[in-house]
Amino acid sequence: MFRFMIAGALCLAAFGAEPLQAQPRPAVAPGQIPAADTGSVREPQGFQRYAGSIIAGGSFAAFDEQVLVNGPLVRAPDQRDKRGNAVFMPREMRKAEGRRTRLVYVIPQGRSPLEVIRGYQQLVREAGGSTLYECSDGDCGGETRYGALSGGGSTGLIQLAIPGDDVPVGRGNPVGCAVDNSNRTGQRFTTLQLAGDAGFVSVLSYVLGDYNAGSECRTGGWSGRTIAIVNILETKAREQRMEMVSADAMGSSMARDGKVAFYAILFDTARAEIKPESQPQIAEMVAYLRASPQLRVLIVGHTDSQGGLDYNIDLSRRRAASVVAALASQGIAANRLTPQGVGMAAPVSTNDTDEGRARNRRVEMVKQ
């Protein structure tokens, strides 16, 4: 367990399930700081937050890459981003891959960016990790004042901490209020390495200045509040997918077991839309069903145990329905296909490990 000591007081852990489930987001009026965590993403197990801070939002990717900032940013010659900014990047580009959790926090009133940075450094150091890099304001290189969605100038650490595509826009959006501010001050940044090559943590913290007149964030106390954007990258091998099941193999499995499990039908986290790379497996299913015109089957969705029972039942039903729709769109009669979702109710492995959860997330075809 990590410990997080700030100003002599032990900060309590804010653990939760891994950030794989959608949760209702409290309504936030324009200009208001959320009273409680918003969005569905929480800290990975074993990580803690600054005491009293609130999650304004975040994102999660089961496998992603992250630029590791290990020195001041410098201008990348002849490069501009899609907002017209001159691009600034670390002089020695280095990236790491793994499971990425990004969280945007509103820090309690009166706490400084430096205090936040020191807290995370101590958290990682006491767990056996180390500080790779630290900088402040102009020493960091690149833009230090403007927000994540600014254009026509230069990029800075904030664009690396939270890319623009990860900034939801619209009235009353807490993430937008926290990161799209053109008067940031007191910027502090650190890159940390976890013990045992387990991964990396980057923390960008700053104070929000006064918003431009008319901004939906101007009232409600955003100005003067410290924000922290924390990226946690847990380095791990990419989840290995079991090989695609051929039409011939389906016939053997159905004859032997009355069912066949598919791991090459892929979905994004918390989504029911079939990913394009699943089409070869769908094509093999279509071939098998065409060769067995009298066969009627259940298409059963399965999830791991992350998230509540009702949520996983609903998600697995929607995923099963997506597979049925994909098969029907290629000429398989819909009355031969019955979608069913069982959520986490029929695991084939433990849900206590990444590998076990990967085996439990599957689609099955079951003979009726």
Protein backbone atom coordinates (compact mmCIF):
# COMPACT_ATOMS: atom_id res chain seq x y z
CA MET A 1 0.00 0.00 0.00
CA PHE A 2 1.25 3.42 -0.84
CA ARG A 3 1.22 6.11 1.81
CA PHE A 4 0.74 9.74 0.99
CA MET A 5 1.90 12.18 3.67
CA ILE A 6 1.07 15.86 3.28
CA ALA A 7 1.95 18.45 5.92
CA GLY A 8 2.25 15.72 8.53
CA ALA A 9 -1.24 14.33 8.01
CA LEU A 10 -1.87 10.89 6.54
CA CYS A 11 -3.98 11.17 3.40
CA LEU A 12 -6.55 8.41 3.14
CA ALA A 13 -6.58 6.19 0.07
CA ALA A 14 -9.17 6.79 -2.59
CA PHE A 15 -9.12 3.27 -3.99
CA GLY A 16 -11.83 1.93 -6.19
CA ALA A 17 -12.36 -0.61 -8.91
CA GLU A 18 -10.06 -0.36 -11.86
CA PRO A 19 -11.34 2.36 -14.20
CA LEU A 20 -13.28 0.11 -16.53
CA GLN A 21 -16.88 0.89 -15.66
CA ALA A 22 -19.15 3.80 -16.40
CA GLN A 23 -20.77 5.50 -13.43
CA PRO A 24 -23.44 8.20 -13.34
CA ARG A 25 -21.82 11.61 -13.35
CA PRO A 26 -23.24 14.22 -10.97
CA ALA A 27 -24.77 17.19 -12.72
CA VAL A 28 -22.49 20.23 -12.51
CA ALA A 29 -23.92 23.67 -13.12
CA PRO A 30 -21.89 26.02 -15.33
CA GLY A 31 -19.21 27.75 -13.30
CA GLN A 32 -19.43 25.38 -10.35
CA ILE A 33 -16.68 23.15 -9.00
CA PRO A 34 -18.03 19.60 -8.55
CA ALA A 35 -18.98 18.68 -5.00
CA ALA A 36 -17.82 15.09 -5.58
CA ASP A 37 -15.88 13.03 -8.11
CA THR A 38 -17.25 13.16 -11.64
CA GLY A 39 -16.91 10.69 -14.49
CA SER A 40 -16.16 6.97 -14.31
CA VAL A 41 -12.37 6.86 -13.93
CA ARG A 42 -10.70 6.38 -10.56
CA GLU A 43 -7.17 5.71 -9.33
CA PRO A 44 -5.73 2.27 -10.08
CA GLN A 45 -5.57 0.04 -7.05
CA GLY A 46 -2.60 0.99 -4.89
CA PHE A 47 -2.55 4.68 -5.82
CA GLN A 48 -3.76 7.56 -3.71
CA ARG A 49 -4.68 11.17 -4.25
CA TYR A 50 -3.91 14.42 -2.50
CA ALA A 51 -6.19 14.52 0.55
CA GLY A 52 -9.49 16.26 -0.10
CA SER A 53 -9.02 16.62 -3.85
CA ILE A 54 -11.88 16.01 -6.28
CA ILE A 55 -11.70 14.25 -9.64
CA ALA A 56 -13.03 16.60 -12.31
CA GLY A 57 -12.72 13.83 -14.90
CA GLY A 58 -10.28 11.58 -16.65
CA SER A 59 -9.77 8.80 -19.13
CA PHE A 60 -8.44 5.26 -19.25
CA ALA A 61 -6.80 3.08 -21.90
CA ALA A 62 -5.99 -0.60 -21.39
CA PHE A 63 -2.90 -0.14 -23.57
CA ASP A 64 -1.48 3.20 -24.67
CA GLU A 65 1.79 5.08 -25.01
CA GLN A 66 2.96 8.10 -23.06
CA VAL A 67 5.73 10.59 -23.79
CA LEU A 68 8.15 10.60 -20.85
CA VAL A 69 9.31 14.14 -20.15
CA ASN A 70 12.86 13.88 -18.81
CA GLY A 71 14.13 17.36 -19.63
CA PRO A 72 13.03 20.81 -20.79
CA LEU A 73 10.83 21.01 -23.87
CA VAL A 74 12.41 22.38 -27.06
CA ARG A 75 10.93 23.51 -30.35
CA ALA A 76 10.36 20.69 -32.85
CA PRO A 77 11.48 22.23 -36.16
CA ASP A 78 8.73 22.91 -38.70
CA GLN A 79 6.02 21.16 -36.68
CA ARG A 80 2.63 22.60 -35.77
CA ASP A 81 -0.34 20.95 -34.17
CA LYS A 82 -3.90 21.09 -35.49
CA ARG A 83 -4.54 24.32 -33.58
CA GLY A 84 -1.60 26.06 -35.25
CA ASN A 85 0.73 25.88 -32.25
CA ALA A 86 4.46 25.49 -32.69
CA VAL A 87 5.20 22.07 -31.19
CA PHE A 88 7.53 21.72 -28.19
CA MET A 89 8.71 18.26 -27.15
CA PRO A 90 11.46 16.74 -24.96
CA ARG A 91 14.88 16.95 -26.64
CA GLU A 92 15.43 13.21 -26.24
CA MET A 93 12.10 11.65 -27.16
CA ARG A 94 11.24 8.64 -25.03
CA LYS A 95 7.93 6.83 -24.80
CA ALA A 96 6.58 4.09 -22.56
CA GLU A 97 3.69 1.72 -23.18
CA GLY A 98 1.18 0.17 -20.82
CA ARG A 99 -2.11 0.72 -19.06
CA ARG A 100 -2.76 4.45 -18.83
CA THR A 101 -4.97 6.26 -16.33
CA ARG A 102 -5.35 10.04 -16.65
CA LEU A 103 -7.03 12.04 -13.86
CA VAL A 104 -7.72 15.76 -13.51
CA TYR A 105 -8.02 16.87 -9.89
CA VAL A 106 -9.25 20.05 -8.22
CA ILE A 107 -7.00 20.49 -5.17
CA PRO A 108 -8.38 21.86 -1.86
CA GLN A 109 -8.43 25.60 -1.40
CA GLY A 110 -5.13 27.17 -0.39
CA ARG A 111 -2.85 24.32 -1.47
CA SER A 112 0.00 25.13 -3.85
CA PRO A 113 1.26 23.30 -6.94
CA LEU A 114 4.61 22.75 -5.21
CA GLU A 115 2.93 21.03 -2.29
CA VAL A 116 1.10 18.72 -4.69
CA ILE A 117 4.31 17.82 -6.55
CA ARG A 118 6.20 17.15 -3.31
CA GLY A 119 3.39 14.93 -2.11
CA TYR A 120 3.47 12.71 -5.18
CA GLN A 121 7.24 12.55 -5.09
CA GLN A 122 7.11 11.39 -1.50
CA LEU A 123 4.37 8.88 -2.31
CA VAL A 124 6.50 7.26 -5.00
CA ARG A 125 9.78 7.54 -3.09
CA GLU A 126 8.37 5.81 -0.01
CA ALA A 127 7.17 2.97 -2.24
CA GLY A 128 10.69 2.48 -3.62
CA GLY A 129 10.46 4.63 -6.74
CA SER A 130 12.33 7.76 -7.75
CA THR A 131 12.03 11.21 -9.33
CA LEU A 132 13.30 11.30 -12.91
CA TYR A 133 12.67 14.97 -13.65
CA GLU A 134 11.25 18.11 -12.10
CA CYS A 135 10.79 21.64 -13.39
CA SER A 136 8.87 24.85 -12.76
CA ASP A 137 7.42 27.62 -14.94
CA GLY A 138 9.67 28.76 -17.80
CA ASP A 139 12.42 26.27 -16.96
CA CYS A 140 10.09 23.54 -18.27
CA GLY A 141 10.23 24.92 -21.82
CA GLY A 142 7.30 25.61 -24.12
CA GLU A 143 4.13 27.48 -23.20
CA THR A 144 3.43 27.83 -19.48
CA ARG A 145 0.41 30.13 -19.35
CA TYR A 146 -2.22 29.14 -21.91
CA GLY A 147 -4.61 26.23 -21.58
CA ALA A 148 -4.88 22.85 -23.25
CA LEU A 149 -7.10 24.05 -26.10
CA SER A 150 -5.23 27.27 -26.91
CA GLY A 151 -4.10 27.84 -30.49
CA GLY A 152 -1.83 30.01 -32.56
CA GLY A 153 1.05 30.04 -30.10
CA SER A 154 3.16 27.20 -28.72
CA THR A 155 2.47 23.89 -27.03
CA GLY A 156 3.72 23.10 -23.55
CA LEU A 157 3.50 20.46 -20.89
CA ILE A 158 -0.26 20.77 -20.66
CA GLN A 159 -0.73 19.39 -24.19
CA LEU A 160 1.40 16.38 -23.23
CA ALA A 161 -0.43 15.97 -19.92
CA ILE A 162 -3.90 16.09 -21.50
CA PRO A 163 -4.16 16.04 -25.29
CA GLY A 164 -6.92 18.19 -26.71
CA ASP A 165 -8.93 15.16 -27.85
CA ASP A 166 -9.23 14.22 -24.19
CA VAL A 167 -10.78 17.56 -23.19
CA PRO A 168 -14.58 17.42 -23.31
CA VAL A 169 -16.18 20.74 -24.17
CA GLY A 170 -19.57 22.19 -23.36
CA ARG A 171 -21.24 24.18 -20.65
CA GLY A 172 -20.55 23.13 -17.11
CA ASN A 173 -17.83 20.65 -18.00
CA PRO A 174 -15.39 20.36 -15.08
CA VAL A 175 -12.43 19.16 -17.15
CA GLY A 176 -12.78 22.08 -19.55
CA CYS A 177 -12.88 24.54 -16.65
CA ALA A 178 -9.80 22.94 -15.11
CA VAL A 179 -7.54 22.80 -18.17
CA ASP A 180 -8.75 25.35 -20.74
CA ASN A 181 -7.63 28.49 -18.92
CA SER A 182 -5.45 31.14 -20.53
CA ASN A 183 -4.12 32.51 -17.25
CA ARG A 184 -2.41 29.60 -15.56
CA THR A 185 0.37 30.46 -13.12
CA GLY A 186 2.85 28.69 -10.86
CA GLN A 187 3.35 25.68 -13.12
CA ARG A 188 5.14 22.71 -11.52
CA PHE A 189 5.85 19.36 -13.14
CA THR A 190 7.48 16.05 -12.27
CA THR A 191 8.08 12.66 -13.89
CA LEU A 192 8.35 9.74 -11.47
CA GLN A 193 9.43 6.13 -11.93
CA LEU A 194 7.68 3.43 -9.93
CA ALA A 195 9.65 0.76 -8.11
CA GLY A 196 10.54 -2.41 -9.94
CA ASP A 197 10.02 -0.89 -13.40
CA ALA A 198 6.29 -1.04 -12.73
CA GLY A 199 5.62 2.18 -14.59
CA PHE A 200 5.71 5.95 -14.53
CA VAL A 201 3.70 8.82 -13.06
CA SER A 202 3.69 12.38 -14.36
CA VAL A 203 2.11 15.25 -12.45
CA LEU A 204 1.43 18.71 -13.85
CA SER A 205 0.08 21.21 -11.31
CA TYR A 206 -0.74 24.92 -11.59
CA VAL A 207 -3.02 27.67 -10.30
CA LEU A 208 -5.96 28.84 -12.38
CA GLY A 209 -6.03 32.57 -13.04
CA ASP A 210 -9.09 34.70 -13.62
CA TYR A 211 -11.16 33.54 -16.57
CA ASN A 212 -12.01 35.77 -19.48
CA ALA A 213 -15.22 37.76 -19.14
CA GLY A 214 -18.22 35.68 -20.10
CA SER A 215 -16.60 32.33 -19.39
CA GLU A 216 -18.92 29.77 -17.84
CA CYS A 217 -16.10 29.03 -15.37
CA ARG A 218 -15.69 32.62 -14.19
CA THR A 219 -18.02 32.29 -11.22
CA GLY A 220 -18.11 29.49 -8.69
CA GLY A 221 -14.57 29.60 -7.37
CA TRP A 222 -12.44 28.16 -10.19
CA SER A 223 -10.10 31.16 -10.19
CA GLY A 224 -7.26 30.70 -7.72
CA ARG A 225 -7.72 26.95 -7.38
CA THR A 226 -4.82 24.55 -7.86
CA ILE A 227 -5.27 21.83 -10.49
CA ALA A 228 -3.29 18.61 -10.89
CA ILE A 229 -3.23 16.48 -14.04
CA VAL A 230 -1.89 13.05 -13.10
CA ASN A 231 -0.95 10.40 -15.67
CA ILE A 232 -0.27 6.90 -14.36
CA LEU A 233 1.29 4.48 -16.85
CA GLU A 234 1.52 0.91 -15.60
CA THR A 235 3.98 -0.77 -17.93
CA LYS A 236 2.88 -4.25 -18.88
CA ALA A 237 2.85 -6.49 -21.88
CA ARG A 238 -0.01 -5.90 -24.28
CA GLU A 239 -2.92 -8.16 -23.44
CA GLN A 240 -2.46 -11.29 -25.49
CA ARG A 241 -5.54 -12.25 -27.45
CA MET A 242 -6.35 -15.89 -28.11
CA GLU A 243 -6.19 -16.74 -31.78
CA MET A 244 -9.13 -16.41 -34.09
CA VAL A 245 -11.38 -19.48 -34.20
CA SER A 246 -11.80 -20.86 -37.71
CA ALA A 247 -15.11 -22.15 -39.08
CA ASP A 248 -13.78 -25.72 -38.99
CA ALA A 249 -12.67 -25.35 -35.37
CA MET A 250 -16.11 -24.01 -34.46
CA GLY A 251 -17.71 -27.17 -35.82
CA SER A 252 -15.45 -29.37 -33.71
CA SER A 253 -16.03 -27.30 -30.56
CA MET A 254 -19.80 -27.21 -31.03
CA ALA A 255 -19.91 -31.00 -31.57
CA ARG A 256 -17.77 -31.62 -28.49
CA ASP A 257 -18.93 -28.92 -26.06
CA GLY A 258 -22.07 -27.41 -27.54
CA LYS A 259 -20.42 -23.99 -27.49
CA VAL A 260 -17.39 -22.04 -28.64
CA ALA A 261 -15.68 -19.04 -27.02
CA PHE A 262 -14.37 -16.07 -29.01
CA TYR A 263 -11.60 -13.73 -27.83
CA ALA A 264 -10.96 -12.07 -31.18
CA ILE A 265 -14.23 -10.11 -31.06
CA LEU A 266 -13.01 -6.87 -29.53
CA PHE A 267 -14.68 -3.90 -27.86
CA ASP A 268 -13.35 -0.71 -26.35
CA THR A 269 -13.63 -0.43 -22.58
CA ALA A 270 -17.24 0.13 -21.48
CA ARG A 271 -18.43 0.16 -25.12
CA ALA A 272 -20.60 -2.25 -27.11
CA GLU A 273 -19.49 -1.34 -30.65
CA ILE A 274 -17.45 -4.08 -32.31
CA LYS A 275 -13.95 -2.90 -33.22
CA PRO A 276 -12.97 -3.13 -36.91
CA GLU A 277 -10.19 -5.63 -36.22
CA SER A 278 -12.90 -8.13 -35.16
CA GLN A 279 -14.17 -8.56 -38.73
CA PRO A 280 -12.03 -11.62 -39.60
CA GLN A 281 -13.57 -13.48 -36.66
CA ILE A 282 -17.08 -12.36 -37.64
CA ALA A 283 -16.42 -13.63 -41.17
CA GLU A 284 -15.45 -17.06 -39.84
CA MET A 285 -18.64 -17.17 -37.76
CA VAL A 286 -20.69 -16.29 -40.84
CA ALA A 287 -18.98 -19.08 -42.82
CA TYR A 288 -19.74 -21.63 -40.10
CA LEU A 289 -23.39 -20.61 -39.76
CA ARG A 290 -23.91 -20.67 -43.53
CA ALA A 291 -22.53 -24.21 -43.60
CA SER A 292 -24.96 -25.22 -40.82
CA PRO A 293 -28.26 -23.70 -42.04
CA GLN A 294 -30.46 -25.53 -39.51
CA LEU A 295 -28.44 -24.46 -36.48
CA ARG A 296 -29.88 -21.95 -34.02
CA VAL A 297 -27.56 -20.42 -31.45
CA LEU A 298 -27.34 -18.15 -28.47
CA ILE A 299 -24.78 -15.35 -28.77
CA VAL A 300 -23.70 -14.79 -25.17
CA GLY A 301 -21.75 -11.80 -23.87
CA HIS A 302 -19.45 -12.18 -20.85
CA THR A 303 -17.58 -9.53 -18.83
CA ASP A 304 -15.10 -9.52 -15.98
CA SER A 305 -16.12 -8.43 -12.48
CA GLN A 306 -15.07 -4.77 -12.74
CA GLY A 307 -18.15 -2.66 -12.09
CA GLY A 308 -21.56 -3.51 -10.71
CA LEU A 309 -23.65 -6.55 -11.58
CA ASP A 310 -26.44 -4.62 -13.32
CA TYR A 311 -23.93 -2.58 -15.32
CA ASN A 312 -22.10 -5.68 -16.54
CA ILE A 313 -25.31 -7.53 -17.40
CA ASP A 314 -26.41 -4.58 -19.52
CA LEU A 315 -22.99 -4.20 -21.17
CA SER A 316 -22.78 -7.90 -22.02
CA ARG A 317 -26.31 -7.84 -23.50
CA ARG A 318 -25.46 -4.89 -25.70
CA ARG A 319 -22.26 -6.54 -26.88
CA ALA A 320 -24.11 -9.75 -27.69
CA ALA A 321 -26.71 -7.74 -29.62
CA SER A 322 -23.92 -6.05 -31.60
CA VAL A 323 -22.53 -9.45 -32.63
CA VAL A 324 -26.01 -10.62 -33.67
CA ALA A 325 -26.46 -7.47 -35.73
CA ALA A 326 -23.08 -7.99 -37.40
CA LEU A 327 -23.93 -11.59 -38.33
CA ALA A 328 -27.40 -10.63 -39.57
CA SER A 329 -25.92 -7.86 -41.72
CA GLN A 330 -23.97 -10.55 -43.58
CA GLY A 331 -27.00 -12.68 -44.38
CA ILE A 332 -27.51 -14.90 -41.34
CA ALA A 333 -31.22 -15.02 -40.51
CA ALA A 334 -31.90 -13.09 -37.33
CA ASN A 335 -34.34 -15.76 -36.08
CA ARG A 336 -31.39 -18.16 -35.81
CA LEU A 337 -29.56 -15.85 -33.42
CA THR A 338 -30.57 -15.00 -29.85
CA PRO A 339 -28.47 -12.43 -27.96
CA GLN A 340 -27.96 -13.00 -24.26
CA GLY A 341 -25.85 -11.21 -21.67
CA VAL A 342 -24.72 -12.81 -18.43
CA GLY A 343 -22.20 -10.21 -17.28
CA MET A 344 -19.76 -11.63 -14.75
CA ALA A 345 -21.92 -14.64 -13.83
CA ALA A 346 -19.98 -17.34 -15.68
CA PRO A 347 -16.22 -16.77 -15.28
CA VAL A 348 -13.71 -19.24 -16.67
CA SER A 349 -10.84 -17.82 -14.60
CA THR A 350 -10.14 -15.66 -11.56
CA ASN A 351 -11.08 -11.98 -11.67
CA ASP A 352 -8.19 -11.14 -9.32
CA THR A 353 -5.57 -10.83 -12.08
CA ASP A 354 -5.30 -9.06 -15.42
CA GLU A 355 -4.84 -12.38 -17.18
CA GLY A 356 -7.90 -13.89 -15.53
CA ARG A 357 -10.08 -10.92 -16.33
CA ALA A 358 -8.93 -11.09 -19.97
CA ARG A 359 -10.10 -14.71 -20.19
CA ASN A 360 -13.45 -13.83 -18.69
CA ARG A 361 -14.13 -11.07 -21.24
CA ARG A 362 -15.42 -13.07 -24.18
CA VAL A 363 -18.33 -13.82 -26.52
CA GLU A 364 -19.66 -17.34 -26.76
CA MET A 365 -21.83 -19.09 -29.34
CA VAL A 366 -24.00 -21.73 -27.66
CA LYS A 367 -26.08 -24.37 -29.46
CA GLN A 368 -29.83 -24.11 -28.80
